[in-house]
Amino acid sequence: MKRAVYPLLMVLLVLTLLLGGCFGQKSPEDVVSDLSGTLDKMTGYKSQAVLTMQTGATPMEYDVEVWYEKPANYRVALTSKQRGITQIILRNDEGVFVLTPHLKKSFRFQSGWPENNGPLYLYETLARSIIDDADRQMSMDDKQYVFEVKANYSGNRSLTRQKIWLTEDFKPTYAEIMDASMNPLVKISFTEFVFNPTFEKDAFDKDRNMNASSLSAIPTLAQGGFTEQPSSQFGVIVPTYMPEGVQQGDIEPVIRDGERTVVLTYSGAYNYKLIEQRPTAATVSYEQGMPIDLGFTIGVLAQSSFNQRHLTWELDGVEFTLTGDLPEEEMVKVAQSTYGVGGK
């Protein structure tokens, strides 16, 4: 009788251990619920990361530092490794700014950023993309949660899927956005992430961030970069990309307020103009707009009417304004094609 009982007890013990392991492992729904709770309870965060963008002809790398303080204070410093130049996206009670400290230049606009178009390097963008995708897939990799979810970035419709790695306490370690063929086009590797930090009182002040940033001047030719021209004279930059069905028209030099401006006209399937000039005003304000990553710099995208958009960015001391009926994705492609092009 005892011999028959012992095998039965062993079977029950094994079943108990197996069932205990199964019930101890969280379901994807439990994990997402915990992630949502973490997002709601946090008071802010600081992060450091390296962002690699392969959406243009040349891969671009940024060092990215993000400060976030609830409910709506943001400071995002993006330093281009190729150009050695830092720009800051700042949101505070005054509005949203794109600061270019080495030029003492800022764009100010009223905007729903980042709620309307949050970038990959913001923690809440990653978390919300997981929480909101009912078709999410979850797996485990070396004690990390790995989620595969849909991507929705208006500036590049070719980005369709994304994978996100989170630690067991929901800190991000890595993420990538892929095209329909699952080729990674945008990658971000987090090197540091801290929940609920303490911020100085003026951490999100515009003047402090404009003046206190320890940024070098634009590199000179001797430093392996380019030389900033001191006058308003500059070579005309002709974008290498044109949408299908578009033809380039006149290139017209214009003198506005004593400054040389060049206007390039395009017509056909889309009608638009590219205006190039040396920036003069220290601050430019828009009623509406949002920051947008171009790969080599941060631009400001604004819409003036149903089908008229304006995209403004700066490169090598020249301010570009692209205005017309181009869709956002086409505007980004035109802007990206001005990088690395010599003036004529």
C-alpha atoms as a PDB file:
ATOM      1  CA  MET A   1       0.000   0.000   0.000  1.00  0.00           C
ATOM      2  CA  LYS A   2       2.819   2.403   0.930  1.00  0.00           C
ATOM      3  CA  ARG A   3       4.605   1.619  -2.336  1.00  0.00           C
ATOM      4  CA  ALA A   4       1.482   2.740  -4.266  1.00  0.00           C
ATOM      5  CA  VAL A   5       1.141   5.968  -2.248  1.00  0.00           C
ATOM      6  CA  TYR A   6       4.684   7.267  -2.824  1.00  0.00           C
ATOM      7  CA  PRO A   7       4.439   7.458  -6.677  1.00  0.00           C
ATOM      8  CA  LEU A   8       1.063   9.182  -6.335  1.00  0.00           C
ATOM      9  CA  LEU A   9       2.539  11.760  -3.966  1.00  0.00           C
ATOM     10  CA  MET A  10       5.426  12.395  -6.363  1.00  0.00           C
ATOM     11  CA  VAL A  11       3.007  12.987  -9.250  1.00  0.00           C
ATOM     12  CA  LEU A  12       0.961  15.392  -7.143  1.00  0.00           C
ATOM     13  CA  LEU A  13       4.125  17.244  -6.110  1.00  0.00           C
ATOM     14  CA  VAL A  14       5.281  17.647  -9.724  1.00  0.00           C
ATOM     15  CA  LEU A  15       1.830  18.847 -10.801  1.00  0.00           C
ATOM     16  CA  THR A  16       1.767  21.337  -7.946  1.00  0.00           C
ATOM     17  CA  LEU A  17       5.146  22.782  -8.955  1.00  0.00           C
ATOM     18  CA  LEU A  18       4.153  23.014 -12.606  1.00  0.00           C
ATOM     19  CA  LEU A  19       0.810  24.645 -11.857  1.00  0.00           C
ATOM     20  CA  GLY A  20       2.462  27.011  -9.402  1.00  0.00           C
ATOM     21  CA  GLY A  21       4.934  28.078 -12.092  1.00  0.00           C
ATOM     22  CA  CYS A  22       2.174  28.657 -14.596  1.00  0.00           C
ATOM     23  CA  PHE A  23       0.068  30.723 -12.248  1.00  0.00           C
ATOM     24  CA  GLY A  24       3.155  32.645 -11.068  1.00  0.00           C
ATOM     25  CA  GLN A  25       3.962  33.884 -14.572  1.00  0.00           C
ATOM     26  CA  LYS A  26       2.147  37.079 -15.488  1.00  0.00           C
ATOM     27  CA  SER A  27      -0.092  37.142 -18.522  1.00  0.00           C
ATOM     28  CA  PRO A  28       0.406  39.853 -21.176  1.00  0.00           C
ATOM     29  CA  GLU A  29      -2.752  41.524 -19.873  1.00  0.00           C
ATOM     30  CA  ASP A  30      -1.337  41.613 -16.319  1.00  0.00           C
ATOM     31  CA  VAL A  31       1.950  43.059 -17.571  1.00  0.00           C
ATOM     32  CA  VAL A  32       0.182  45.759 -19.584  1.00  0.00           C
ATOM     33  CA  SER A  33      -1.983  46.617 -16.579  1.00  0.00           C
ATOM     34  CA  ASP A  34       1.142  47.005 -14.426  1.00  0.00           C
ATOM     35  CA  LEU A  35       2.783  49.128 -17.132  1.00  0.00           C
ATOM     36  CA  SER A  36      -0.267  51.388 -17.240  1.00  0.00           C
ATOM     37  CA  GLY A  37      -0.123  51.750 -13.469  1.00  0.00           C
ATOM     38  CA  THR A  38       3.580  52.658 -13.619  1.00  0.00           C
ATOM     39  CA  LEU A  39       2.855  55.291 -16.267  1.00  0.00           C
ATOM     40  CA  ASP A  40       0.040  56.812 -14.194  1.00  0.00           C
ATOM     41  CA  LYS A  41       1.944  56.855 -10.892  1.00  0.00           C
ATOM     42  CA  MET A  42       5.283  58.241 -12.035  1.00  0.00           C
ATOM     43  CA  THR A  43       6.003  61.937 -11.467  1.00  0.00           C
ATOM     44  CA  GLY A  44       8.578  62.144 -14.262  1.00  0.00           C
ATOM     45  CA  TYR A  45      11.842  60.664 -15.482  1.00  0.00           C
ATOM     46  CA  LYS A  46      15.306  61.328 -16.875  1.00  0.00           C
ATOM     47  CA  SER A  47      16.810  59.264 -19.663  1.00  0.00           C
ATOM     48  CA  GLN A  48      19.956  59.049 -21.781  1.00  0.00           C
ATOM     49  CA  ALA A  49      19.944  57.204 -25.107  1.00  0.00           C
ATOM     50  CA  VAL A  50      21.547  56.870 -28.521  1.00  0.00           C
ATOM     51  CA  LEU A  51      19.152  57.274 -31.449  1.00  0.00           C
ATOM     52  CA  THR A  52      20.049  55.925 -34.903  1.00  0.00           C
ATOM     53  CA  MET A  53      17.924  56.909 -37.902  1.00  0.00           C
ATOM     54  CA  GLN A  54      18.354  55.051 -41.184  1.00  0.00           C
ATOM     55  CA  THR A  55      15.380  56.568 -43.007  1.00  0.00           C
ATOM     56  CA  GLY A  56      17.487  58.836 -45.236  1.00  0.00           C
ATOM     57  CA  ALA A  57      20.367  58.202 -47.607  1.00  0.00           C
ATOM     58  CA  THR A  58      22.891  58.488 -44.758  1.00  0.00           C
ATOM     59  CA  PRO A  59      22.351  56.998 -41.261  1.00  0.00           C
ATOM     60  CA  MET A  60      22.161  59.667 -38.569  1.00  0.00           C
ATOM     61  CA  GLU A  61      23.002  59.304 -34.888  1.00  0.00           C
ATOM     62  CA  TYR A  62      21.852  61.445 -31.975  1.00  0.00           C
ATOM     63  CA  ASP A  63      22.744  61.475 -28.315  1.00  0.00           C
ATOM     64  CA  VAL A  64      19.356  62.043 -26.675  1.00  0.00           C
ATOM     65  CA  GLU A  65      18.728  63.370 -23.181  1.00  0.00           C
ATOM     66  CA  VAL A  66      15.107  63.615 -21.983  1.00  0.00           C
ATOM     67  CA  TRP A  67      13.742  65.286 -18.863  1.00  0.00           C
ATOM     68  CA  TYR A  68      10.041  64.983 -18.132  1.00  0.00           C
ATOM     69  CA  GLU A  69       8.139  66.417 -15.166  1.00  0.00           C
ATOM     70  CA  LYS A  70       4.403  65.908 -14.838  1.00  0.00           C
ATOM     71  CA  PRO A  71       2.120  67.174 -16.009  1.00  0.00           C
ATOM     72  CA  ALA A  72       3.619  68.861 -19.064  1.00  0.00           C
ATOM     73  CA  ASN A  73       7.253  69.975 -18.688  1.00  0.00           C
ATOM     74  CA  TYR A  74       9.676  68.555 -21.255  1.00  0.00           C
ATOM     75  CA  ARG A  75      13.319  69.119 -22.105  1.00  0.00           C
ATOM     76  CA  VAL A  76      14.745  67.034 -24.953  1.00  0.00           C
ATOM     77  CA  ALA A  77      18.375  67.686 -25.943  1.00  0.00           C
ATOM     78  CA  LEU A  78      19.420  66.072 -29.212  1.00  0.00           C
ATOM     79  CA  THR A  79      23.078  66.193 -30.188  1.00  0.00           C
ATOM     80  CA  SER A  80      23.969  65.167 -33.722  1.00  0.00           C
ATOM     81  CA  LYS A  81      27.078  62.990 -33.654  1.00  0.00           C
ATOM     82  CA  GLN A  82      27.776  63.853 -37.304  1.00  0.00           C
ATOM     83  CA  ARG A  83      27.534  67.619 -36.868  1.00  0.00           C
ATOM     84  CA  GLY A  84      28.374  68.033 -33.181  1.00  0.00           C
ATOM     85  CA  ILE A  85      25.436  70.426 -32.774  1.00  0.00           C
ATOM     86  CA  THR A  86      22.783  70.304 -30.047  1.00  0.00           C
ATOM     87  CA  GLN A  87      19.163  71.390 -30.344  1.00  0.00           C
ATOM     88  CA  ILE A  88      16.642  71.430 -27.518  1.00  0.00           C
ATOM     89  CA  ILE A  89      12.911  70.801 -27.651  1.00  0.00           C
ATOM     90  CA  LEU A  90      11.419  72.555 -24.633  1.00  0.00           C
ATOM     91  CA  ARG A  91       7.868  72.589 -23.333  1.00  0.00           C
ATOM     92  CA  ASN A  92       6.768  74.671 -20.372  1.00  0.00           C
ATOM     93  CA  ASP A  93       3.891  76.959 -19.370  1.00  0.00           C
ATOM     94  CA  GLU A  94       4.871  79.451 -22.098  1.00  0.00           C
ATOM     95  CA  GLY A  95       4.508  76.976 -24.979  1.00  0.00           C
ATOM     96  CA  VAL A  96       6.710  74.682 -27.037  1.00  0.00           C
ATOM     97  CA  PHE A  97      10.141  75.787 -28.275  1.00  0.00           C
ATOM     98  CA  VAL A  98      12.827  74.449 -30.562  1.00  0.00           C
ATOM     99  CA  LEU A  99      16.082  76.038 -29.366  1.00  0.00           C
ATOM    100  CA  THR A 100      19.311  76.189 -31.357  1.00  0.00           C
ATOM    101  CA  PRO A 101      21.666  77.638 -28.715  1.00  0.00           C
ATOM    102  CA  HIS A 102      24.794  77.968 -30.887  1.00  0.00           C
ATOM    103  CA  LEU A 103      22.828  80.314 -33.178  1.00  0.00           C
ATOM    104  CA  LYS A 104      20.892  81.935 -30.294  1.00  0.00           C
ATOM    105  CA  LYS A 105      17.793  81.043 -32.312  1.00  0.00           C
ATOM    106  CA  SER A 106      14.423  79.755 -31.138  1.00  0.00           C
ATOM    107  CA  PHE A 107      11.100  78.774 -32.644  1.00  0.00           C
ATOM    108  CA  ARG A 108       8.061  79.185 -30.403  1.00  0.00           C
ATOM    109  CA  PHE A 109       4.624  77.782 -31.143  1.00  0.00           C
ATOM    110  CA  GLN A 110       1.391  76.659 -29.556  1.00  0.00           C
ATOM    111  CA  SER A 111       1.133  72.928 -29.978  1.00  0.00           C
ATOM    112  CA  GLY A 112      -0.216  69.677 -28.629  1.00  0.00           C
ATOM    113  CA  TRP A 113       3.276  68.172 -28.810  1.00  0.00           C
ATOM    114  CA  PRO A 114       4.068  65.549 -27.763  1.00  0.00           C
ATOM    115  CA  GLU A 115       0.533  64.211 -27.309  1.00  0.00           C
ATOM    116  CA  ASN A 116      -0.299  64.632 -30.998  1.00  0.00           C
ATOM    117  CA  ASN A 117       2.929  63.211 -32.412  1.00  0.00           C
ATOM    118  CA  GLY A 118       5.176  61.805 -29.712  1.00  0.00           C
ATOM    119  CA  PRO A 119       8.627  60.618 -30.837  1.00  0.00           C
ATOM    120  CA  LEU A 120      10.156  57.230 -30.068  1.00  0.00           C
ATOM    121  CA  TYR A 121      12.595  58.539 -27.467  1.00  0.00           C
ATOM    122  CA  LEU A 122       9.791  59.582 -25.081  1.00  0.00           C
ATOM    123  CA  TYR A 123       8.919  56.875 -22.536  1.00  0.00           C
ATOM    124  CA  GLU A 124       5.215  57.629 -22.628  1.00  0.00           C
ATOM    125  CA  THR A 125       5.164  57.231 -26.413  1.00  0.00           C
ATOM    126  CA  LEU A 126       6.618  53.740 -26.079  1.00  0.00           C
ATOM    127  CA  ALA A 127       4.347  52.803 -23.187  1.00  0.00           C
ATOM    128  CA  ARG A 128       1.175  54.097 -24.852  1.00  0.00           C
ATOM    129  CA  SER A 129       1.932  52.255 -28.086  1.00  0.00           C
ATOM    130  CA  ILE A 130       2.009  49.021 -26.046  1.00  0.00           C
ATOM    131  CA  ILE A 131      -1.075  49.811 -23.981  1.00  0.00           C
ATOM    132  CA  ASP A 132      -3.203  50.960 -26.930  1.00  0.00           C
ATOM    133  CA  ASP A 133      -2.446  48.060 -29.309  1.00  0.00           C
ATOM    134  CA  ALA A 134      -4.953  45.279 -28.637  1.00  0.00           C
ATOM    135  CA  ASP A 135      -3.047  43.048 -31.102  1.00  0.00           C
ATOM    136  CA  ARG A 136       0.267  43.426 -29.269  1.00  0.00           C
ATOM    137  CA  GLN A 137       2.623  40.446 -29.022  1.00  0.00           C
ATOM    138  CA  MET A 138       4.712  39.825 -25.903  1.00  0.00           C
ATOM    139  CA  SER A 139       7.644  37.535 -25.210  1.00  0.00           C
ATOM    140  CA  MET A 140      10.492  37.289 -22.686  1.00  0.00           C
ATOM    141  CA  ASP A 141      14.175  37.820 -23.468  1.00  0.00           C
ATOM    142  CA  ASP A 142      16.740  37.524 -20.672  1.00  0.00           C
ATOM    143  CA  LYS A 143      14.249  38.664 -18.002  1.00  0.00           C
ATOM    144  CA  GLN A 144      13.008  41.528 -20.176  1.00  0.00           C
ATOM    145  CA  TYR A 145       9.575  42.013 -21.666  1.00  0.00           C
ATOM    146  CA  VAL A 146       9.683  42.303 -25.467  1.00  0.00           C
ATOM    147  CA  PHE A 147       6.628  43.803 -27.149  1.00  0.00           C
ATOM    148  CA  GLU A 148       5.891  43.941 -30.845  1.00  0.00           C
ATOM    149  CA  VAL A 149       3.232  46.527 -31.685  1.00  0.00           C
ATOM    150  CA  LYS A 150       2.101  48.674 -34.581  1.00  0.00           C
ATOM    151  CA  ALA A 151       3.845  51.970 -35.333  1.00  0.00           C
ATOM    152  CA  ASN A 152       2.047  55.170 -36.259  1.00  0.00           C
ATOM    153  CA  TYR A 153       4.434  58.008 -37.132  1.00  0.00           C
ATOM    154  CA  SER A 154       2.874  60.543 -39.498  1.00  0.00           C
ATOM    155  CA  GLY A 155       6.187  61.759 -40.924  1.00  0.00           C
ATOM    156  CA  ASN A 156       7.068  58.345 -42.358  1.00  0.00           C
ATOM    157  CA  ARG A 157       4.284  55.956 -43.330  1.00  0.00           C
ATOM    158  CA  SER A 158       6.815  53.269 -44.255  1.00  0.00           C
ATOM    159  CA  LEU A 159       7.400  52.702 -40.518  1.00  0.00           C
ATOM    160  CA  THR A 160       4.749  50.125 -39.660  1.00  0.00           C
ATOM    161  CA  ARG A 161       5.950  47.943 -36.752  1.00  0.00           C
ATOM    162  CA  GLN A 162       8.033  48.446 -33.633  1.00  0.00           C
ATOM    163  CA  LYS A 163       9.663  46.270 -30.989  1.00  0.00           C
ATOM    164  CA  ILE A 164      10.203  47.537 -27.450  1.00  0.00           C
ATOM    165  CA  TRP A 165      12.311  46.000 -24.662  1.00  0.00           C
ATOM    166  CA  LEU A 166      11.380  46.782 -21.023  1.00  0.00           C
ATOM    167  CA  THR A 167      12.928  45.567 -17.782  1.00  0.00           C
ATOM    168  CA  GLU A 168      10.748  43.840 -15.193  1.00  0.00           C
ATOM    169  CA  ASP A 169      10.244  47.214 -13.467  1.00  0.00           C
ATOM    170  CA  PHE A 170       9.255  48.718 -16.847  1.00  0.00           C
ATOM    171  CA  LYS A 171      12.340  50.756 -17.665  1.00  0.00           C
ATOM    172  CA  PRO A 172      13.089  50.897 -21.418  1.00  0.00           C
ATOM    173  CA  THR A 173      16.380  49.452 -22.650  1.00  0.00           C
ATOM    174  CA  TYR A 174      15.975  49.282 -26.422  1.00  0.00           C
ATOM    175  CA  ALA A 175      13.443  49.922 -29.189  1.00  0.00           C
ATOM    176  CA  GLU A 176      13.332  49.823 -32.970  1.00  0.00           C
ATOM    177  CA  ILE A 177      10.847  50.810 -35.666  1.00  0.00           C
ATOM    178  CA  MET A 178      10.622  48.688 -38.785  1.00  0.00           C
ATOM    179  CA  ASP A 179       9.178  48.856 -42.271  1.00  0.00           C
ATOM    180  CA  ALA A 180       6.722  46.369 -43.754  1.00  0.00           C
ATOM    181  CA  SER A 181       9.619  43.980 -44.492  1.00  0.00           C
ATOM    182  CA  MET A 182      10.674  44.155 -40.814  1.00  0.00           C
ATOM    183  CA  ASN A 183      13.871  46.038 -41.625  1.00  0.00           C
ATOM    184  CA  PRO A 184      14.840  48.262 -38.624  1.00  0.00           C
ATOM    185  CA  LEU A 185      14.974  51.893 -39.787  1.00  0.00           C
ATOM    186  CA  VAL A 186      15.013  53.679 -36.436  1.00  0.00           C
ATOM    187  CA  LYS A 187      16.779  52.314 -33.339  1.00  0.00           C
ATOM    188  CA  ILE A 188      17.157  53.689 -29.845  1.00  0.00           C
ATOM    189  CA  SER A 189      19.390  52.254 -27.121  1.00  0.00           C
ATOM    190  CA  PHE A 190      18.795  53.567 -23.603  1.00  0.00           C
ATOM    191  CA  THR A 191      21.954  53.895 -21.503  1.00  0.00           C
ATOM    192  CA  GLU A 192      20.291  55.419 -18.434  1.00  0.00           C
ATOM    193  CA  PHE A 193      16.722  55.719 -17.146  1.00  0.00           C
ATOM    194  CA  VAL A 194      15.551  57.064 -13.774  1.00  0.00           C
ATOM    195  CA  PHE A 195      11.956  57.305 -12.553  1.00  0.00           C
ATOM    196  CA  ASN A 196      10.738  60.204 -10.387  1.00  0.00           C
ATOM    197  CA  PRO A 197      13.878  62.402 -10.270  1.00  0.00           C
ATOM    198  CA  THR A 198      14.107  65.816  -8.633  1.00  0.00           C
ATOM    199  CA  PHE A 199      14.406  68.829 -10.967  1.00  0.00           C
ATOM    200  CA  GLU A 200      15.783  72.292 -10.252  1.00  0.00           C
ATOM    201  CA  LYS A 201      13.224  75.087 -10.241  1.00  0.00           C
ATOM    202  CA  ASP A 202      14.386  76.571 -13.556  1.00  0.00           C
ATOM    203  CA  ALA A 203      15.215  73.282 -15.308  1.00  0.00           C
ATOM    204  CA  PHE A 204      12.607  73.976 -18.002  1.00  0.00           C
ATOM    205  CA  ASP A 205      13.191  77.720 -18.328  1.00  0.00           C
ATOM    206  CA  LYS A 206      13.833  78.892 -21.892  1.00  0.00           C
ATOM    207  CA  ASP A 207      16.546  81.439 -21.094  1.00  0.00           C
ATOM    208  CA  ARG A 208      18.456  79.035 -18.887  1.00  0.00           C
ATOM    209  CA  ASN A 209      18.469  76.361 -21.565  1.00  0.00           C
ATOM    210  CA  MET A 210      19.431  78.835 -24.283  1.00  0.00           C
ATOM    211  CA  ASN A 211      22.310  80.379 -22.341  1.00  0.00           C
ATOM    212  CA  ALA A 212      23.568  77.656 -20.010  1.00  0.00           C
ATOM    213  CA  SER A 213      23.990  74.907 -22.587  1.00  0.00           C
ATOM    214  CA  SER A 214      27.704  74.179 -22.894  1.00  0.00           C
ATOM    215  CA  LEU A 215      27.665  74.034 -26.670  1.00  0.00           C
ATOM    216  CA  SER A 216      30.540  74.672 -29.029  1.00  0.00           C
ATOM    217  CA  ALA A 217      30.243  76.944 -32.009  1.00  0.00           C
ATOM    218  CA  ILE A 218      29.657  75.557 -35.469  1.00  0.00           C
ATOM    219  CA  PRO A 219      32.780  73.601 -36.521  1.00  0.00           C
ATOM    220  CA  THR A 220      35.183  75.225 -38.942  1.00  0.00           C
ATOM    221  CA  LEU A 221      36.634  73.591 -42.027  1.00  0.00           C
ATOM    222  CA  ALA A 222      39.888  72.988 -40.146  1.00  0.00           C
ATOM    223  CA  GLN A 223      37.958  70.907 -37.611  1.00  0.00           C
ATOM    224  CA  GLY A 224      36.647  68.601 -40.301  1.00  0.00           C
ATOM    225  CA  GLY A 225      33.312  70.394 -40.560  1.00  0.00           C
ATOM    226  CA  PHE A 226      32.182  73.420 -42.504  1.00  0.00           C
ATOM    227  CA  THR A 227      32.844  77.140 -42.391  1.00  0.00           C
ATOM    228  CA  GLU A 228      29.996  79.483 -41.479  1.00  0.00           C
ATOM    229  CA  GLN A 229      29.872  82.430 -43.824  1.00  0.00           C
ATOM    230  CA  PRO A 230      29.720  85.686 -41.867  1.00  0.00           C
ATOM    231  CA  SER A 231      27.681  87.603 -44.441  1.00  0.00           C
ATOM    232  CA  SER A 232      24.241  86.998 -45.923  1.00  0.00           C
ATOM    233  CA  GLN A 233      25.821  85.446 -49.015  1.00  0.00           C
ATOM    234  CA  PHE A 234      25.480  81.692 -49.416  1.00  0.00           C
ATOM    235  CA  GLY A 235      25.301  79.150 -52.199  1.00  0.00           C
ATOM    236  CA  VAL A 236      21.884  77.990 -53.376  1.00  0.00           C
ATOM    237  CA  ILE A 237      21.005  74.521 -52.030  1.00  0.00           C
ATOM    238  CA  VAL A 238      18.910  72.529 -54.507  1.00  0.00           C
ATOM    239  CA  PRO A 239      17.162  69.486 -52.945  1.00  0.00           C
ATOM    240  CA  THR A 240      18.080  66.208 -54.610  1.00  0.00           C
ATOM    241  CA  TYR A 241      14.559  64.807 -54.095  1.00  0.00           C
ATOM    242  CA  MET A 242      11.444  65.799 -56.045  1.00  0.00           C
ATOM    243  CA  PRO A 243       8.104  63.996 -55.705  1.00  0.00           C
ATOM    244  CA  GLU A 244       6.866  62.149 -58.769  1.00  0.00           C
ATOM    245  CA  GLY A 245       5.045  64.449 -61.185  1.00  0.00           C
ATOM    246  CA  VAL A 246       6.820  67.604 -59.974  1.00  0.00           C
ATOM    247  CA  GLN A 247       9.091  69.864 -62.012  1.00  0.00           C
ATOM    248  CA  GLN A 248      11.512  72.509 -60.792  1.00  0.00           C
ATOM    249  CA  GLY A 249      10.845  76.043 -61.963  1.00  0.00           C
ATOM    250  CA  ASP A 250      12.704  79.297 -61.409  1.00  0.00           C
ATOM    251  CA  ILE A 251      15.419  79.998 -58.860  1.00  0.00           C
ATOM    252  CA  GLU A 252      14.858  83.626 -57.951  1.00  0.00           C
ATOM    253  CA  PRO A 253      17.151  85.751 -55.762  1.00  0.00           C
ATOM    254  CA  VAL A 254      15.221  88.350 -53.760  1.00  0.00           C
ATOM    255  CA  ILE A 255      16.354  91.105 -51.385  1.00  0.00           C
ATOM    256  CA  ARG A 256      14.099  91.260 -48.319  1.00  0.00           C
ATOM    257  CA  ASP A 257      14.823  93.826 -45.602  1.00  0.00           C
ATOM    258  CA  GLY A 258      18.318  94.180 -46.972  1.00  0.00           C
ATOM    259  CA  GLU A 259      19.000  90.455 -46.747  1.00  0.00           C
ATOM    260  CA  ARG A 260      19.526  88.089 -49.657  1.00  0.00           C
ATOM    261  CA  THR A 261      16.838  85.431 -50.021  1.00  0.00           C
ATOM    262  CA  VAL A 262      16.555  82.706 -52.637  1.00  0.00           C
ATOM    263  CA  VAL A 263      13.199  81.234 -53.699  1.00  0.00           C
ATOM    264  CA  LEU A 264      13.019  77.896 -55.559  1.00  0.00           C
ATOM    265  CA  THR A 265       9.655  77.163 -57.192  1.00  0.00           C
ATOM    266  CA  TYR A 266       8.184  73.727 -57.961  1.00  0.00           C
ATOM    267  CA  SER A 267       4.938  72.811 -59.713  1.00  0.00           C
ATOM    268  CA  GLY A 268       2.987  69.824 -60.998  1.00  0.00           C
ATOM    269  CA  ALA A 269       1.444  67.102 -58.849  1.00  0.00           C
ATOM    270  CA  TYR A 270       2.315  69.349 -55.891  1.00  0.00           C
ATOM    271  CA  ASN A 271       2.989  73.061 -55.881  1.00  0.00           C
ATOM    272  CA  TYR A 272       5.485  74.439 -53.402  1.00  0.00           C
ATOM    273  CA  LYS A 273       8.339  76.864 -52.765  1.00  0.00           C
ATOM    274  CA  LEU A 274      11.626  76.475 -50.927  1.00  0.00           C
ATOM    275  CA  ILE A 275      12.882  79.719 -49.379  1.00  0.00           C
ATOM    276  CA  GLU A 276      16.528  79.958 -48.270  1.00  0.00           C
ATOM    277  CA  GLN A 277      18.001  82.808 -46.233  1.00  0.00           C
ATOM    278  CA  ARG A 278      20.322  83.690 -43.404  1.00  0.00           C
ATOM    279  CA  PRO A 279      18.265  83.882 -40.184  1.00  0.00           C
ATOM    280  CA  THR A 280      17.953  87.352 -38.677  1.00  0.00           C
ATOM    281  CA  ALA A 281      15.177  87.220 -36.069  1.00  0.00           C
ATOM    282  CA  ALA A 282      16.213  85.603 -32.785  1.00  0.00           C
ATOM    283  CA  THR A 283      12.739  84.195 -32.119  1.00  0.00           C
ATOM    284  CA  VAL A 284      10.090  83.113 -34.616  1.00  0.00           C
ATOM    285  CA  SER A 285       6.568  82.417 -33.345  1.00  0.00           C
ATOM    286  CA  TYR A 286       3.842  80.240 -34.834  1.00  0.00           C
ATOM    287  CA  GLU A 287       0.239  79.901 -33.714  1.00  0.00           C
ATOM    288  CA  GLN A 288       0.352  76.182 -34.424  1.00  0.00           C
ATOM    289  CA  GLY A 289       3.075  73.671 -35.128  1.00  0.00           C
ATOM    290  CA  MET A 290       5.122  70.780 -33.856  1.00  0.00           C
ATOM    291  CA  PRO A 291       8.765  69.692 -33.778  1.00  0.00           C
ATOM    292  CA  ILE A 292       9.686  67.062 -36.342  1.00  0.00           C
ATOM    293  CA  ASP A 293      12.852  64.954 -36.640  1.00  0.00           C
ATOM    294  CA  LEU A 294      14.557  65.353 -40.008  1.00  0.00           C
ATOM    295  CA  GLY A 295      17.504  63.121 -39.168  1.00  0.00           C
ATOM    296  CA  PHE A 296      20.163  65.840 -39.266  1.00  0.00           C
ATOM    297  CA  THR A 297      18.232  68.539 -37.402  1.00  0.00           C
ATOM    298  CA  ILE A 298      14.876  69.362 -35.815  1.00  0.00           C
ATOM    299  CA  GLY A 299      12.349  71.203 -37.962  1.00  0.00           C
ATOM    300  CA  VAL A 300       9.077  72.960 -37.158  1.00  0.00           C
ATOM    301  CA  LEU A 301       5.993  71.851 -39.085  1.00  0.00           C
ATOM    302  CA  ALA A 302       2.961  74.138 -39.161  1.00  0.00           C
ATOM    303  CA  GLN A 303      -0.283  74.131 -41.148  1.00  0.00           C
ATOM    304  CA  SER A 304      -1.869  77.392 -42.277  1.00  0.00           C
ATOM    305  CA  SER A 305      -4.908  75.981 -44.097  1.00  0.00           C
ATOM    306  CA  PHE A 306      -6.460  72.684 -45.107  1.00  0.00           C
ATOM    307  CA  ASN A 307      -3.723  71.731 -47.562  1.00  0.00           C
ATOM    308  CA  GLN A 308      -0.997  74.337 -47.022  1.00  0.00           C
ATOM    309  CA  ARG A 309       1.887  73.380 -44.759  1.00  0.00           C
ATOM    310  CA  HIS A 310       5.114  75.088 -43.732  1.00  0.00           C
ATOM    311  CA  LEU A 311       8.274  73.236 -42.682  1.00  0.00           C
ATOM    312  CA  THR A 312      11.171  75.320 -41.346  1.00  0.00           C
ATOM    313  CA  TRP A 313      14.661  74.088 -40.464  1.00  0.00           C
ATOM    314  CA  GLU A 314      18.234  75.343 -40.290  1.00  0.00           C
ATOM    315  CA  LEU A 315      21.371  73.818 -41.744  1.00  0.00           C
ATOM    316  CA  ASP A 316      24.888  75.242 -41.730  1.00  0.00           C
ATOM    317  CA  GLY A 317      23.616  78.709 -40.794  1.00  0.00           C
ATOM    318  CA  VAL A 318      20.969  78.827 -43.558  1.00  0.00           C
ATOM    319  CA  GLU A 319      17.263  78.882 -42.716  1.00  0.00           C
ATOM    320  CA  PHE A 320      14.985  76.873 -45.025  1.00  0.00           C
ATOM    321  CA  THR A 321      11.226  77.262 -45.288  1.00  0.00           C
ATOM    322  CA  LEU A 322       9.296  74.789 -47.414  1.00  0.00           C
ATOM    323  CA  THR A 323       5.719  75.891 -48.043  1.00  0.00           C
ATOM    324  CA  GLY A 324       2.992  74.406 -50.232  1.00  0.00           C
ATOM    325  CA  ASP A 325       0.483  71.575 -50.583  1.00  0.00           C
ATOM    326  CA  LEU A 326       2.939  68.724 -50.049  1.00  0.00           C
ATOM    327  CA  PRO A 327       1.900  65.934 -47.660  1.00  0.00           C
ATOM    328  CA  GLU A 328       3.964  65.788 -44.489  1.00  0.00           C
ATOM    329  CA  GLU A 329       5.926  62.712 -45.570  1.00  0.00           C
ATOM    330  CA  GLU A 330       6.901  64.334 -48.878  1.00  0.00           C
ATOM    331  CA  MET A 331       7.965  67.517 -47.086  1.00  0.00           C
ATOM    332  CA  VAL A 332      10.260  65.493 -44.843  1.00  0.00           C
ATOM    333  CA  LYS A 333      11.850  63.779 -47.857  1.00  0.00           C
ATOM    334  CA  VAL A 334      12.502  67.104 -49.590  1.00  0.00           C
ATOM    335  CA  ALA A 335      14.013  68.551 -46.405  1.00  0.00           C
ATOM    336  CA  GLN A 336      16.219  65.516 -45.825  1.00  0.00           C
ATOM    337  CA  SER A 337      17.563  65.768 -49.358  1.00  0.00           C
ATOM    338  CA  THR A 338      19.123  69.182 -48.609  1.00  0.00           C
ATOM    339  CA  TYR A 339      21.588  67.591 -46.178  1.00  0.00           C
ATOM    340  CA  GLY A 340      25.080  67.076 -47.558  1.00  0.00           C
ATOM    341  CA  VAL A 341      24.351  69.110 -50.725  1.00  0.00           C
ATOM    342  CA  GLY A 342      26.865  71.795 -51.684  1.00  0.00           C
ATOM    343  CA  GLY A 343      25.702  75.297 -52.561  1.00  0.00           C
ATOM    344  CA  LYS A 344      25.701  76.403 -56.186  1.00  0.00           C
END
